[in-house]
């Protein structure tokens, strides 16, 4: 096993003897550095987009605040809040021990 592996390694290494290194493009480095140094003119964000995003944000904030205030100020007398105990009693889960596995 060891000899076959060493023989295969030697064959692979000998097959690499005739390979020449690849020739690169001599102008590639100058092209890359020129492109990196190019600084495209940055365009500022248009004012209409700033106002549009700000107005959407304000509308969403107002809707959340109004929804929260309506939820807390509305009469909860006729609406029963559901707690975990209510769910356990409704589904009769008092004796259901799922956490105790054999």
N, C-alpha and C. Protein backbone atom coordinates (compact mmCIF):
# COMPACT_ATOMS: atom_id res chain seq x y z
N UNK A 1 0.83 -1.19 0.00
CA UNK A 1 0.00 0.00 0.00
C UNK A 1 0.87 1.24 0.00
N UNK A 2 1.86 1.24 0.85
CA UNK A 2 2.73 2.41 0.98
C UNK A 2 3.54 2.62 -0.30
N UNK A 3 4.00 1.52 -0.92
CA UNK A 3 4.80 1.65 -2.14
C UNK A 3 3.95 2.16 -3.30
N UNK A 4 2.71 1.68 -3.40
CA UNK A 4 1.83 2.14 -4.47
C UNK A 4 1.55 3.63 -4.33
N UNK A 5 1.36 4.06 -3.11
CA UNK A 5 1.08 5.47 -2.86
C UNK A 5 2.31 6.32 -3.20
N UNK A 6 3.47 5.87 -2.78
CA UNK A 6 4.70 6.62 -3.07
C UNK A 6 4.99 6.62 -4.58
N UNK A 7 4.72 5.51 -5.24
CA UNK A 7 4.93 5.43 -6.68
C UNK A 7 3.98 6.40 -7.40
N UNK A 8 2.73 6.46 -6.95
CA UNK A 8 1.77 7.38 -7.57
C UNK A 8 2.20 8.82 -7.34
N UNK A 9 2.69 9.15 -6.16
CA UNK A 9 3.16 10.50 -5.87
C UNK A 9 4.34 10.84 -6.78
N UNK A 10 5.26 9.91 -6.94
CA UNK A 10 6.42 10.16 -7.81
C UNK A 10 6.00 10.36 -9.26
N UNK A 11 5.02 9.58 -9.73
CA UNK A 11 4.55 9.75 -11.10
C UNK A 11 3.91 11.12 -11.31
N UNK A 12 3.13 11.56 -10.32
CA UNK A 12 2.49 12.86 -10.43
C UNK A 12 3.53 13.96 -10.42
N UNK A 13 4.51 13.87 -9.56
CA UNK A 13 5.55 14.89 -9.47
C UNK A 13 6.39 14.94 -10.75
N UNK A 14 6.65 13.78 -11.35
CA UNK A 14 7.41 13.75 -12.60
C UNK A 14 6.61 14.30 -13.76
N UNK A 15 5.29 14.19 -13.71
CA UNK A 15 4.48 14.71 -14.80
C UNK A 15 4.48 16.24 -14.80
N UNK A 16 4.84 16.84 -13.70
CA UNK A 16 4.88 18.30 -13.60
C UNK A 16 6.19 18.90 -14.10
N UNK A 17 7.15 18.09 -14.49
CA UNK A 17 8.46 18.60 -14.88
C UNK A 17 8.41 19.46 -16.15
N UNK A 18 7.56 19.15 -17.10
CA UNK A 18 7.54 19.87 -18.37
C UNK A 18 6.63 21.09 -18.38
N UNK A 19 6.02 21.40 -17.28
CA UNK A 19 5.06 22.51 -17.26
C UNK A 19 5.81 23.83 -17.11
N UNK A 20 5.41 24.81 -17.93
CA UNK A 20 5.97 26.16 -17.85
C UNK A 20 5.00 27.06 -17.11
N UNK A 21 5.50 28.05 -16.42
CA UNK A 21 4.57 28.97 -15.74
C UNK A 21 3.76 29.76 -16.76
N UNK A 22 2.56 30.10 -16.38
CA UNK A 22 1.67 30.84 -17.27
C UNK A 22 2.15 32.27 -17.41
N UNK A 23 2.03 32.80 -18.63
CA UNK A 23 2.40 34.19 -18.87
C UNK A 23 1.19 35.07 -18.61
N UNK A 24 1.40 36.11 -17.83
CA UNK A 24 0.32 37.03 -17.51
C UNK A 24 0.33 38.21 -18.46
N UNK A 25 -0.74 38.96 -18.46
CA UNK A 25 -0.85 40.16 -19.27
C UNK A 25 0.02 41.24 -18.63
N UNK A 26 1.01 41.78 -19.34
CA UNK A 26 1.89 42.77 -18.72
C UNK A 26 1.18 44.08 -18.39
N UNK A 27 0.05 44.35 -19.02
CA UNK A 27 -0.66 45.60 -18.79
C UNK A 27 -1.79 45.47 -17.78
N UNK A 28 -1.96 44.29 -17.23
CA UNK A 28 -3.07 44.06 -16.31
C UNK A 28 -2.93 44.91 -15.05
N UNK A 29 -1.75 44.99 -14.50
CA UNK A 29 -1.55 45.75 -13.27
C UNK A 29 -1.86 47.23 -13.47
N UNK A 30 -1.43 47.79 -14.59
CA UNK A 30 -1.69 49.21 -14.83
C UNK A 30 -3.18 49.46 -15.05
N UNK A 31 -3.88 48.54 -15.70
CA UNK A 31 -5.32 48.70 -15.90
C UNK A 31 -6.08 48.64 -14.57
N UNK A 32 -5.67 47.72 -13.72
CA UNK A 32 -6.35 47.58 -12.43
C UNK A 32 -6.11 48.82 -11.58
N UNK A 33 -4.88 49.30 -11.52
CA UNK A 33 -4.59 50.48 -10.70
C UNK A 33 -5.29 51.72 -11.26
N UNK A 34 -5.40 51.83 -12.57
CA UNK A 34 -6.10 52.97 -13.16
C UNK A 34 -7.58 52.93 -12.81
N UNK A 35 -8.17 51.75 -12.82
CA UNK A 35 -9.59 51.64 -12.50
C UNK A 35 -9.84 51.90 -11.02
N UNK A 36 -8.90 51.48 -10.17
CA UNK A 36 -9.06 51.74 -8.74
C UNK A 36 -8.94 53.23 -8.45
N UNK A 37 -8.05 53.90 -9.14
CA UNK A 37 -7.85 55.33 -8.91
C UNK A 37 -8.98 56.18 -9.47
N UNK A 38 -9.73 55.64 -10.44
CA UNK A 38 -10.86 56.39 -10.97
C UNK A 38 -11.90 56.56 -9.88
N UNK A 39 -12.30 57.77 -9.64
CA UNK A 39 -13.31 58.04 -8.64
C UNK A 39 -14.54 58.57 -9.35
N UNK A 40 -15.55 57.73 -9.55
CA UNK A 40 -16.74 58.23 -10.24
C UNK A 40 -17.41 59.31 -9.41
N UNK A 41 -17.98 60.27 -10.08
CA UNK A 41 -18.64 61.37 -9.38
C UNK A 41 -19.87 60.83 -8.64
N UNK A 42 -19.88 61.01 -7.35
CA UNK A 42 -21.01 60.55 -6.54
C UNK A 42 -22.12 61.58 -6.62
N UNK A 43 -23.29 61.09 -6.87
CA UNK A 43 -24.43 61.98 -6.97
C UNK A 43 -25.16 61.98 -5.63
N UNK A 44 -25.49 63.15 -5.14
CA UNK A 44 -26.20 63.19 -3.85
C UNK A 44 -27.63 62.68 -4.01
N UNK A 45 -28.19 62.30 -2.89
CA UNK A 45 -29.57 61.81 -2.89
C UNK A 45 -30.50 62.99 -3.15
N UNK A 46 -31.47 62.77 -3.99
CA UNK A 46 -32.39 63.84 -4.32
C UNK A 46 -33.28 64.16 -3.12
N UNK A 47 -33.60 65.42 -2.97
CA UNK A 47 -34.36 65.89 -1.82
C UNK A 47 -35.76 65.28 -1.78
N UNK A 48 -36.34 65.03 -2.94
CA UNK A 48 -37.69 64.46 -2.96
C UNK A 48 -37.71 63.07 -2.34
N UNK A 49 -36.63 62.30 -2.51
CA UNK A 49 -36.59 60.97 -1.92
C UNK A 49 -36.41 61.05 -0.40
N UNK A 50 -35.68 62.04 0.06
CA UNK A 50 -35.52 62.22 1.50
C UNK A 50 -36.87 62.54 2.12
N UNK A 51 -37.63 63.45 1.51
CA UNK A 51 -38.94 63.80 2.03
C UNK A 51 -39.91 62.62 1.92
N UNK A 52 -39.82 61.85 0.87
CA UNK A 52 -40.72 60.70 0.71
C UNK A 52 -40.47 59.67 1.80
N UNK A 53 -39.22 59.33 2.06
CA UNK A 53 -38.91 58.33 3.09
C UNK A 53 -39.28 58.86 4.47
N UNK A 54 -39.00 60.14 4.72
CA UNK A 54 -39.34 60.73 6.02
C UNK A 54 -40.85 60.74 6.24
N UNK A 55 -41.62 61.07 5.20
CA UNK A 55 -43.08 61.10 5.36
C UNK A 55 -43.64 59.70 5.58
N UNK A 56 -43.10 58.71 4.88
CA UNK A 56 -43.55 57.32 5.10
C UNK A 56 -43.24 56.89 6.52
N UNK A 57 -42.07 57.24 7.00
CA UNK A 57 -41.69 56.89 8.37
C UNK A 57 -42.63 57.55 9.38
N UNK A 58 -42.96 58.81 9.16
CA UNK A 58 -43.85 59.52 10.08
C UNK A 58 -45.25 58.92 10.06
N UNK A 59 -45.75 58.57 8.88
CA UNK A 59 -47.08 57.96 8.77
C UNK A 59 -47.11 56.61 9.50
N UNK A 60 -46.09 55.80 9.29
CA UNK A 60 -46.04 54.50 9.97
C UNK A 60 -45.95 54.67 11.48
N UNK A 61 -45.19 55.64 11.94
CA UNK A 61 -45.07 55.91 13.37
C UNK A 61 -46.41 56.36 13.94
N UNK A 62 -47.10 57.24 13.25
CA UNK A 62 -48.41 57.70 13.72
C UNK A 62 -49.43 56.57 13.75
N UNK A 63 -49.42 55.72 12.73
CA UNK A 63 -50.35 54.59 12.73
C UNK A 63 -50.08 53.65 13.90
N UNK A 64 -48.82 53.41 14.21
CA UNK A 64 -48.50 52.55 15.35
C UNK A 64 -48.93 53.18 16.66
N UNK A 65 -48.68 54.47 16.82
CA UNK A 65 -49.07 55.14 18.06
C UNK A 65 -50.59 55.17 18.20
N UNK A 66 -51.30 55.50 17.13
CA UNK A 66 -52.77 55.53 17.19
C UNK A 66 -53.35 54.13 17.44
N UNK A 67 -52.79 53.14 16.80
CA UNK A 67 -53.26 51.77 17.03
C UNK A 67 -53.02 51.32 18.45
N UNK A 68 -51.89 51.68 19.00
CA UNK A 68 -51.61 51.32 20.38
C UNK A 68 -52.54 52.06 21.35
N UNK A 69 -52.76 53.33 21.07
CA UNK A 69 -53.63 54.10 21.98
C UNK A 69 -55.08 53.64 21.87
N UNK A 70 -55.55 53.29 20.68
CA UNK A 70 -56.91 52.80 20.53
C UNK A 70 -57.07 51.46 21.23
N UNK A 71 -56.04 50.63 21.19
CA UNK A 71 -56.10 49.32 21.80
C UNK A 71 -56.16 49.44 23.32
N UNK A 72 -55.42 50.36 23.90
CA UNK A 72 -55.41 50.50 25.35
C UNK A 72 -56.59 51.29 25.86
N UNK A 73 -57.12 52.22 25.07
CA UNK A 73 -58.24 53.04 25.55
C UNK A 73 -59.60 52.43 25.26
N UNK A 74 -59.66 51.46 24.36
CA UNK A 74 -60.96 50.85 24.05
C UNK A 74 -61.40 50.02 25.23
N UNK A 75 -62.71 49.86 25.34
CA UNK A 75 -63.26 49.13 26.48
C UNK A 75 -62.90 47.66 26.43
N UNK A 76 -62.10 47.21 27.35
CA UNK A 76 -61.73 45.79 27.43
C UNK A 76 -62.67 45.03 28.35
N UNK A 77 -63.77 45.68 28.78
CA UNK A 77 -64.69 45.03 29.69
C UNK A 77 -65.39 43.85 29.03
N UNK A 78 -65.81 44.03 27.78
CA UNK A 78 -66.52 42.96 27.10
C UNK A 78 -65.57 41.97 26.43
N UNK A 79 -64.31 42.30 26.39
CA UNK A 79 -63.33 41.43 25.72
C UNK A 79 -62.47 40.77 26.79
N UNK A 80 -62.51 39.46 26.83
CA UNK A 80 -61.77 38.74 27.86
C UNK A 80 -60.33 38.52 27.40
N UNK A 81 -59.41 38.86 28.27
CA UNK A 81 -58.01 38.61 27.92
C UNK A 81 -57.71 37.14 28.14
N UNK A 82 -56.95 36.57 27.23
CA UNK A 82 -56.65 35.14 27.28
C UNK A 82 -55.25 34.98 27.83
N UNK A 83 -55.16 34.23 28.90
CA UNK A 83 -53.87 33.93 29.49
C UNK A 83 -53.52 32.48 29.27
N UNK A 84 -52.38 32.08 29.75
CA UNK A 84 -51.93 30.71 29.56
C UNK A 84 -52.82 29.75 30.35
N UNK A 85 -53.32 30.21 31.49
CA UNK A 85 -54.21 29.35 32.27
C UNK A 85 -55.50 29.07 31.52
N UNK A 86 -56.03 30.07 30.82
CA UNK A 86 -57.26 29.90 30.04
C UNK A 86 -57.06 28.87 28.94
N UNK A 87 -55.92 28.95 28.27
CA UNK A 87 -55.62 28.00 27.19
C UNK A 87 -55.49 26.60 27.75
N UNK A 88 -54.81 26.46 28.90
CA UNK A 88 -54.64 25.13 29.50
C UNK A 88 -55.99 24.55 29.90
N UNK A 89 -56.86 25.38 30.47
CA UNK A 89 -58.17 24.88 30.87
C UNK A 89 -59.06 24.55 29.68
N UNK A 90 -59.04 25.38 28.64
CA UNK A 90 -59.88 25.13 27.47
C UNK A 90 -59.49 23.86 26.73
N UNK A 91 -58.23 23.58 26.64
CA UNK A 91 -57.77 22.41 25.91
C UNK A 91 -57.49 21.22 26.83
N UNK A 92 -57.83 21.37 28.09
CA UNK A 92 -57.68 20.30 29.08
C UNK A 92 -56.27 19.72 29.08
N UNK A 93 -55.33 20.59 29.29
CA UNK A 93 -53.93 20.20 29.25
C UNK A 93 -53.33 20.07 30.65
N UNK A 94 -54.16 19.96 31.67
CA UNK A 94 -53.64 19.90 33.04
C UNK A 94 -52.80 18.65 33.26
N UNK A 95 -53.27 17.52 32.75
CA UNK A 95 -52.61 16.24 33.02
C UNK A 95 -51.69 15.81 31.87
N UNK A 96 -51.51 16.64 30.91
CA UNK A 96 -50.68 16.28 29.75
C UNK A 96 -49.25 16.69 30.04
N UNK A 97 -48.42 15.74 30.41
CA UNK A 97 -47.02 16.02 30.74
C UNK A 97 -46.14 15.66 29.54
N UNK A 98 -45.87 16.59 28.72
CA UNK A 98 -45.06 16.31 27.53
C UNK A 98 -43.58 16.37 27.84
N UNK A 99 -43.21 17.00 28.95
CA UNK A 99 -41.79 17.13 29.24
C UNK A 99 -41.21 15.91 29.91
N UNK A 100 -42.04 15.01 30.44
CA UNK A 100 -41.52 13.81 31.10
C UNK A 100 -41.51 12.66 30.10
N UNK A 101 -40.35 12.41 29.54
CA UNK A 101 -40.21 11.33 28.57
C UNK A 101 -39.69 10.09 29.27
N UNK A 102 -40.07 8.89 28.81
CA UNK A 102 -39.61 7.66 29.48
C UNK A 102 -38.13 7.45 29.33
